[in-house]
Amino acid sequence: TDRRDFRGGGGGGGGAGAGATGGDGAPEAVIEVEQWAPVALWAWDVDVDICAICKTKINDPCISCQAQMFGEDVECEIAWGQCNHQFHRHCLEDWLKKKGTCPLDGQEWDWAQIGREEQRK
C-alpha cells in the first residue's frame, strides 16, 4: 500500500494534506516510533509465574498478605517443591492442611525451599 505522511503533501495527486486511504476511504494514519524502551521480566526456573492456588502473580503478595498490608511492607515468601512447582507459602500451607499433594501435579508434596525468587538456589 501507498502510505503518506499527513504533515505535508506527500507527493502524488490530491494536493496538500492528501494521504493514502484505507479500503473504506478513510485516511490511514502513519505512526513513526521515535523512541522505544522495552522492559522484560526474567526469572530462574519458573514454569508458571502465577500461584495456582490464589491465582495472583507469584512475585506479588498472596491474598492473605494483601489483607494484612495496610501500608506495611509485607514479605510474602515463595515455597518450592522437589517437583519445581512454586506457590505462595501461606497458600500452600492452607492447601497442605487439606491435601498433602502438589496442587499442580498431584504428587506427594516434598519441600525444596522457602524464600524469595532472588534467594532461589
N, C-alpha and C. Protein backbone atom coordinates (compact mmCIF):
# COMPACT_ATOMS: atom_id res chain seq x y z
N THR A 1 0.83 -1.19 0.00
CA THR A 1 0.00 0.00 0.00
C THR A 1 0.87 1.24 0.00
N ASP A 2 0.33 2.29 -0.59
CA ASP A 2 0.99 3.58 -0.64
C ASP A 2 0.62 4.33 0.63
N ARG A 3 1.61 4.60 1.48
CA ARG A 3 1.34 5.32 2.72
C ARG A 3 2.07 6.64 2.70
N ARG A 4 1.36 7.68 3.02
CA ARG A 4 1.95 9.00 3.04
C ARG A 4 1.73 9.63 4.39
N ASP A 5 2.61 10.48 4.75
CA ASP A 5 2.56 11.25 5.98
C ASP A 5 1.52 12.35 5.80
N PHE A 6 0.72 12.66 6.82
CA PHE A 6 -0.31 13.69 6.71
C PHE A 6 0.21 15.09 6.98
N ARG A 7 1.50 15.23 7.33
CA ARG A 7 2.03 16.56 7.65
C ARG A 7 2.24 17.42 6.42
N GLY A 8 2.41 16.82 5.28
CA GLY A 8 2.66 17.61 4.08
C GLY A 8 1.93 16.98 2.91
N GLY A 9 2.21 17.49 1.74
CA GLY A 9 1.55 16.98 0.55
C GLY A 9 1.84 15.53 0.28
N GLY A 10 3.01 15.06 0.65
CA GLY A 10 3.35 13.65 0.49
C GLY A 10 3.49 13.24 -0.96
N GLY A 11 3.47 14.17 -1.88
CA GLY A 11 3.66 13.83 -3.29
C GLY A 11 2.44 13.15 -3.86
N GLY A 12 2.27 13.19 -5.13
CA GLY A 12 1.15 12.49 -5.76
C GLY A 12 -0.14 13.26 -5.61
N GLY A 13 -1.15 12.93 -6.37
CA GLY A 13 -2.41 13.64 -6.51
C GLY A 13 -3.12 14.01 -5.24
N GLY A 14 -4.07 14.90 -5.39
CA GLY A 14 -4.93 15.27 -4.28
C GLY A 14 -4.53 16.54 -3.58
N GLY A 15 -3.35 17.08 -3.84
CA GLY A 15 -2.95 18.33 -3.22
C GLY A 15 -2.41 18.14 -1.82
N ALA A 16 -2.16 19.27 -1.14
CA ALA A 16 -1.56 19.26 0.20
C ALA A 16 -2.47 18.54 1.19
N GLY A 17 -1.85 17.71 2.01
CA GLY A 17 -2.60 17.00 3.03
C GLY A 17 -3.27 15.74 2.55
N ALA A 18 -3.20 15.44 1.29
CA ALA A 18 -3.84 14.22 0.79
C ALA A 18 -2.94 13.05 1.13
N GLY A 19 -3.45 12.10 1.82
CA GLY A 19 -2.67 10.92 2.18
C GLY A 19 -3.32 9.68 1.61
N ALA A 20 -2.72 8.55 1.92
CA ALA A 20 -3.27 7.28 1.46
C ALA A 20 -4.59 7.03 2.16
N THR A 21 -5.44 6.29 1.54
CA THR A 21 -6.73 5.97 2.15
C THR A 21 -6.85 4.47 2.30
N GLY A 22 -7.60 4.08 3.33
CA GLY A 22 -7.85 2.66 3.55
C GLY A 22 -8.94 2.19 2.62
N GLY A 23 -9.32 0.96 2.73
CA GLY A 23 -10.34 0.36 1.88
C GLY A 23 -11.69 1.04 1.99
N ASP A 24 -11.97 1.69 3.13
CA ASP A 24 -13.27 2.35 3.30
C ASP A 24 -13.22 3.83 2.95
N GLY A 25 -12.11 4.31 2.40
CA GLY A 25 -11.97 5.69 2.00
C GLY A 25 -11.45 6.59 3.10
N ALA A 26 -11.33 6.10 4.33
CA ALA A 26 -10.81 6.90 5.43
C ALA A 26 -9.28 6.94 5.34
N PRO A 27 -8.67 8.07 5.70
CA PRO A 27 -7.20 8.16 5.64
C PRO A 27 -6.56 7.19 6.62
N GLU A 28 -5.43 6.61 6.22
CA GLU A 28 -4.66 5.74 7.10
C GLU A 28 -3.68 6.60 7.88
N ALA A 29 -3.55 6.37 9.15
CA ALA A 29 -2.60 7.11 9.97
C ALA A 29 -1.22 6.50 9.81
N VAL A 30 -0.21 7.34 9.86
CA VAL A 30 1.17 6.88 9.81
C VAL A 30 1.78 7.18 11.17
N ILE A 31 2.31 6.17 11.81
CA ILE A 31 2.91 6.34 13.12
C ILE A 31 4.40 6.05 13.00
N GLU A 32 5.19 6.98 13.47
CA GLU A 32 6.63 6.80 13.48
C GLU A 32 7.07 6.57 14.92
N VAL A 33 7.80 5.51 15.18
CA VAL A 33 8.33 5.24 16.51
C VAL A 33 9.65 5.98 16.63
N GLU A 34 9.69 6.96 17.53
CA GLU A 34 10.90 7.75 17.70
C GLU A 34 11.78 7.20 18.82
N GLN A 35 11.17 6.56 19.80
CA GLN A 35 11.94 6.01 20.90
C GLN A 35 11.23 4.76 21.39
N TRP A 36 12.00 3.75 21.75
CA TRP A 36 11.42 2.51 22.23
C TRP A 36 12.24 2.03 23.41
N ALA A 37 11.61 1.78 24.53
CA ALA A 37 12.30 1.31 25.73
C ALA A 37 11.65 0.01 26.18
N PRO A 38 12.10 -1.13 25.66
CA PRO A 38 11.50 -2.41 26.05
C PRO A 38 11.81 -2.76 27.50
N VAL A 39 10.87 -3.44 28.14
CA VAL A 39 11.03 -3.89 29.51
C VAL A 39 10.75 -5.38 29.53
N ALA A 40 11.58 -6.14 30.25
CA ALA A 40 11.39 -7.59 30.32
C ALA A 40 11.50 -8.05 31.76
N LEU A 41 10.83 -9.13 32.06
CA LEU A 41 10.91 -9.76 33.37
C LEU A 41 11.47 -11.15 33.15
N TRP A 42 12.49 -11.47 33.91
CA TRP A 42 13.13 -12.75 33.76
C TRP A 42 13.26 -13.40 35.13
N ALA A 43 13.01 -14.68 35.22
CA ALA A 43 13.09 -15.38 36.49
C ALA A 43 13.70 -16.75 36.28
N TRP A 44 14.39 -17.22 37.27
CA TRP A 44 15.03 -18.54 37.22
C TRP A 44 13.99 -19.64 37.37
N ASP A 45 14.10 -20.65 36.57
CA ASP A 45 13.37 -21.90 36.76
C ASP A 45 11.87 -21.74 37.03
N VAL A 46 11.24 -20.73 36.47
CA VAL A 46 9.82 -20.53 36.71
C VAL A 46 9.05 -20.98 35.48
N ASP A 47 8.29 -22.07 35.64
CA ASP A 47 7.46 -22.55 34.54
C ASP A 47 6.17 -21.75 34.45
N VAL A 48 5.62 -21.43 35.62
CA VAL A 48 4.37 -20.69 35.70
C VAL A 48 4.59 -19.54 36.68
N ASP A 49 4.25 -18.31 36.30
CA ASP A 49 4.50 -17.17 37.18
C ASP A 49 3.28 -16.76 37.99
N ILE A 50 2.32 -17.67 38.11
CA ILE A 50 1.10 -17.41 38.89
C ILE A 50 0.94 -18.52 39.92
N CYS A 51 0.58 -18.13 41.13
CA CYS A 51 0.29 -19.13 42.17
C CYS A 51 -1.01 -19.82 41.78
N ALA A 52 -0.94 -21.11 41.57
CA ALA A 52 -2.11 -21.87 41.11
C ALA A 52 -3.20 -21.97 42.18
N ILE A 53 -2.88 -21.60 43.40
CA ILE A 53 -3.87 -21.68 44.48
C ILE A 53 -4.69 -20.39 44.57
N CYS A 54 -4.02 -19.23 44.66
CA CYS A 54 -4.76 -17.97 44.81
C CYS A 54 -4.89 -17.19 43.51
N LYS A 55 -4.22 -17.64 42.45
CA LYS A 55 -4.32 -17.05 41.11
C LYS A 55 -3.73 -15.64 41.01
N THR A 56 -2.81 -15.26 41.91
CA THR A 56 -2.11 -13.98 41.77
C THR A 56 -0.67 -14.27 41.35
N LYS A 57 0.02 -13.25 40.84
CA LYS A 57 1.40 -13.44 40.39
C LYS A 57 2.26 -13.89 41.55
N ILE A 58 3.17 -14.80 41.26
CA ILE A 58 4.00 -15.40 42.30
C ILE A 58 4.90 -14.37 42.99
N ASN A 59 5.29 -13.31 42.30
CA ASN A 59 6.15 -12.29 42.89
C ASN A 59 5.36 -11.18 43.58
N ASP A 60 4.03 -11.23 43.54
CA ASP A 60 3.18 -10.30 44.27
C ASP A 60 2.76 -10.97 45.58
N PRO A 61 2.37 -10.18 46.58
CA PRO A 61 1.91 -10.80 47.83
C PRO A 61 0.66 -11.65 47.60
N CYS A 62 0.55 -12.73 48.37
CA CYS A 62 -0.63 -13.58 48.28
C CYS A 62 -1.84 -12.85 48.85
N ILE A 63 -3.01 -13.42 48.70
CA ILE A 63 -4.23 -12.78 49.18
C ILE A 63 -4.18 -12.57 50.69
N SER A 64 -3.63 -13.53 51.42
CA SER A 64 -3.51 -13.42 52.87
C SER A 64 -2.63 -12.23 53.25
N CYS A 65 -1.49 -12.07 52.57
CA CYS A 65 -0.58 -10.96 52.86
C CYS A 65 -1.18 -9.63 52.42
N GLN A 66 -1.90 -9.62 51.30
CA GLN A 66 -2.54 -8.38 50.84
C GLN A 66 -3.54 -7.88 51.87
N ALA A 67 -4.23 -8.78 52.53
CA ALA A 67 -5.21 -8.40 53.55
C ALA A 67 -4.54 -7.79 54.78
N GLN A 68 -3.28 -8.15 55.03
CA GLN A 68 -2.56 -7.67 56.21
C GLN A 68 -1.72 -6.43 55.93
N MET A 69 -1.56 -6.03 54.67
CA MET A 69 -0.62 -4.98 54.30
C MET A 69 -0.94 -3.63 54.94
N PHE A 70 -2.01 -2.98 54.56
CA PHE A 70 -2.42 -1.67 55.09
C PHE A 70 -1.24 -0.73 55.29
N GLY A 71 -0.49 -0.46 54.24
CA GLY A 71 0.63 0.47 54.29
C GLY A 71 1.93 -0.14 54.76
N GLU A 72 1.91 -1.36 55.22
CA GLU A 72 3.13 -2.02 55.66
C GLU A 72 3.76 -2.76 54.49
N ASP A 73 5.05 -2.97 54.57
CA ASP A 73 5.75 -3.76 53.56
C ASP A 73 5.77 -5.21 54.05
N VAL A 74 4.96 -6.05 53.47
CA VAL A 74 4.83 -7.44 53.90
C VAL A 74 5.71 -8.33 53.03
N GLU A 75 6.47 -9.18 53.67
CA GLU A 75 7.33 -10.13 52.95
C GLU A 75 6.56 -11.43 52.75
N CYS A 76 6.14 -11.67 51.53
CA CYS A 76 5.39 -12.88 51.21
C CYS A 76 6.35 -13.88 50.58
N GLU A 77 6.58 -14.98 51.25
CA GLU A 77 7.56 -15.95 50.79
C GLU A 77 6.98 -16.91 49.75
N ILE A 78 7.88 -17.46 48.95
CA ILE A 78 7.53 -18.44 47.94
C ILE A 78 8.03 -19.80 48.41
N ALA A 79 7.23 -20.83 48.21
CA ALA A 79 7.61 -22.19 48.58
C ALA A 79 7.78 -23.01 47.31
N TRP A 80 8.92 -23.70 47.20
CA TRP A 80 9.19 -24.59 46.08
C TRP A 80 9.13 -26.03 46.55
N GLY A 81 8.63 -26.88 45.69
CA GLY A 81 8.64 -28.31 45.97
C GLY A 81 9.74 -28.98 45.17
N GLN A 82 10.02 -30.24 45.49
CA GLN A 82 11.02 -31.01 44.73
C GLN A 82 10.59 -31.15 43.27
N CYS A 83 9.29 -30.99 43.02
CA CYS A 83 8.76 -31.08 41.65
C CYS A 83 9.02 -29.79 40.87
N ASN A 84 9.63 -28.78 41.52
CA ASN A 84 9.97 -27.47 40.95
C ASN A 84 8.74 -26.58 40.75
N HIS A 85 7.60 -26.93 41.34
CA HIS A 85 6.44 -26.04 41.31
C HIS A 85 6.55 -25.09 42.49
N GLN A 86 6.09 -23.87 42.30
CA GLN A 86 6.18 -22.87 43.35
C GLN A 86 4.82 -22.24 43.62
N PHE A 87 4.62 -21.87 44.89
CA PHE A 87 3.37 -21.28 45.35
C PHE A 87 3.70 -20.30 46.46
N HIS A 88 2.77 -19.41 46.78
CA HIS A 88 2.94 -18.58 47.97
C HIS A 88 2.93 -19.53 49.18
N ARG A 89 3.82 -19.29 50.12
CA ARG A 89 3.93 -20.18 51.28
C ARG A 89 2.60 -20.28 52.05
N HIS A 90 1.94 -19.13 52.27
CA HIS A 90 0.67 -19.15 53.02
C HIS A 90 -0.40 -19.95 52.28
N CYS A 91 -0.47 -19.77 50.97
CA CYS A 91 -1.46 -20.50 50.17
C CYS A 91 -1.20 -22.00 50.26
N LEU A 92 0.07 -22.37 50.12
CA LEU A 92 0.43 -23.79 50.14
C LEU A 92 0.19 -24.42 51.51
N GLU A 93 0.51 -23.70 52.58
CA GLU A 93 0.29 -24.25 53.92
C GLU A 93 -1.20 -24.55 54.14
N ASP A 94 -2.06 -23.62 53.70
CA ASP A 94 -3.51 -23.87 53.82
C ASP A 94 -3.93 -25.07 52.98
N TRP A 95 -3.36 -25.18 51.77
CA TRP A 95 -3.67 -26.30 50.87
C TRP A 95 -3.24 -27.63 51.50
N LEU A 96 -2.04 -27.65 52.07
CA LEU A 96 -1.49 -28.89 52.62
C LEU A 96 -2.25 -29.36 53.87
N LYS A 97 -2.98 -28.47 54.53
CA LYS A 97 -3.81 -28.88 55.67
C LYS A 97 -4.94 -29.79 55.20
N LYS A 98 -5.37 -29.59 53.95
CA LYS A 98 -6.47 -30.39 53.39
C LYS A 98 -5.96 -31.57 52.57
N LYS A 99 -4.91 -31.33 51.80
CA LYS A 99 -4.34 -32.36 50.93
C LYS A 99 -2.82 -32.31 51.07
N GLY A 100 -2.17 -33.41 51.01
CA GLY A 100 -0.72 -33.44 51.14
C GLY A 100 -0.01 -33.52 49.80
N THR A 101 -0.67 -33.05 48.76
CA THR A 101 -0.11 -33.19 47.42
C THR A 101 0.15 -31.84 46.76
N CYS A 102 0.98 -31.85 45.75
CA CYS A 102 1.23 -30.66 44.94
C CYS A 102 -0.07 -30.28 44.23
N PRO A 103 -0.49 -29.01 44.30
CA PRO A 103 -1.72 -28.60 43.63
C PRO A 103 -1.69 -28.75 42.11
N LEU A 104 -0.51 -28.82 41.51
CA LEU A 104 -0.43 -28.91 40.05
C LEU A 104 -0.30 -30.32 39.52
N ASP A 105 0.55 -31.14 40.15
CA ASP A 105 0.76 -32.47 39.57
C ASP A 105 0.21 -33.61 40.42
N GLY A 106 -0.31 -33.30 41.61
CA GLY A 106 -0.94 -34.33 42.44
C GLY A 106 0.02 -35.28 43.15
N GLN A 107 1.33 -35.05 43.00
CA GLN A 107 2.31 -35.90 43.69
C GLN A 107 2.41 -35.46 45.15
N GLU A 108 2.83 -36.38 46.01
CA GLU A 108 3.00 -36.03 47.41
C GLU A 108 3.96 -34.84 47.51
N TRP A 109 3.60 -33.84 48.33
CA TRP A 109 4.40 -32.62 48.43
C TRP A 109 5.68 -32.89 49.21
N ASP A 110 6.80 -32.48 48.64
CA ASP A 110 8.10 -32.60 49.27
C ASP A 110 8.76 -31.23 49.18
N TRP A 111 8.98 -30.57 50.33
CA TRP A 111 9.54 -29.22 50.36
C TRP A 111 10.96 -29.20 49.79
N ALA A 112 11.24 -28.20 48.99
CA ALA A 112 12.60 -28.00 48.48
C ALA A 112 13.21 -26.75 49.11
N GLN A 113 12.45 -25.66 49.12
CA GLN A 113 12.98 -24.40 49.64
C GLN A 113 11.84 -23.42 49.90
N ILE A 114 12.07 -22.51 50.85
CA ILE A 114 11.16 -21.40 51.12
C ILE A 114 11.98 -20.13 51.08
N GLY A 115 11.49 -19.10 50.43
CA GLY A 115 12.20 -17.83 50.35
C GLY A 115 11.61 -16.94 49.28
N ARG A 116 12.42 -16.03 48.78
CA ARG A 116 12.03 -15.15 47.68
C ARG A 116 12.68 -15.66 46.41
N GLU A 117 12.19 -15.23 45.28
CA GLU A 117 12.70 -15.67 43.97
C GLU A 117 14.21 -15.44 43.86
N GLU A 118 14.68 -14.27 44.32
CA GLU A 118 16.10 -13.96 44.19
C GLU A 118 16.97 -14.80 45.13
N GLN A 119 16.36 -15.49 46.11
CA GLN A 119 17.11 -16.35 47.02
C GLN A 119 17.19 -17.78 46.52
N ARG A 120 16.54 -18.07 45.41
CA ARG A 120 16.47 -19.44 44.89
C ARG A 120 17.84 -19.98 44.58
N LYS A 121 18.13 -21.17 45.07
CA LYS A 121 19.44 -21.81 44.84
C LYS A 121 19.39 -22.65 43.60
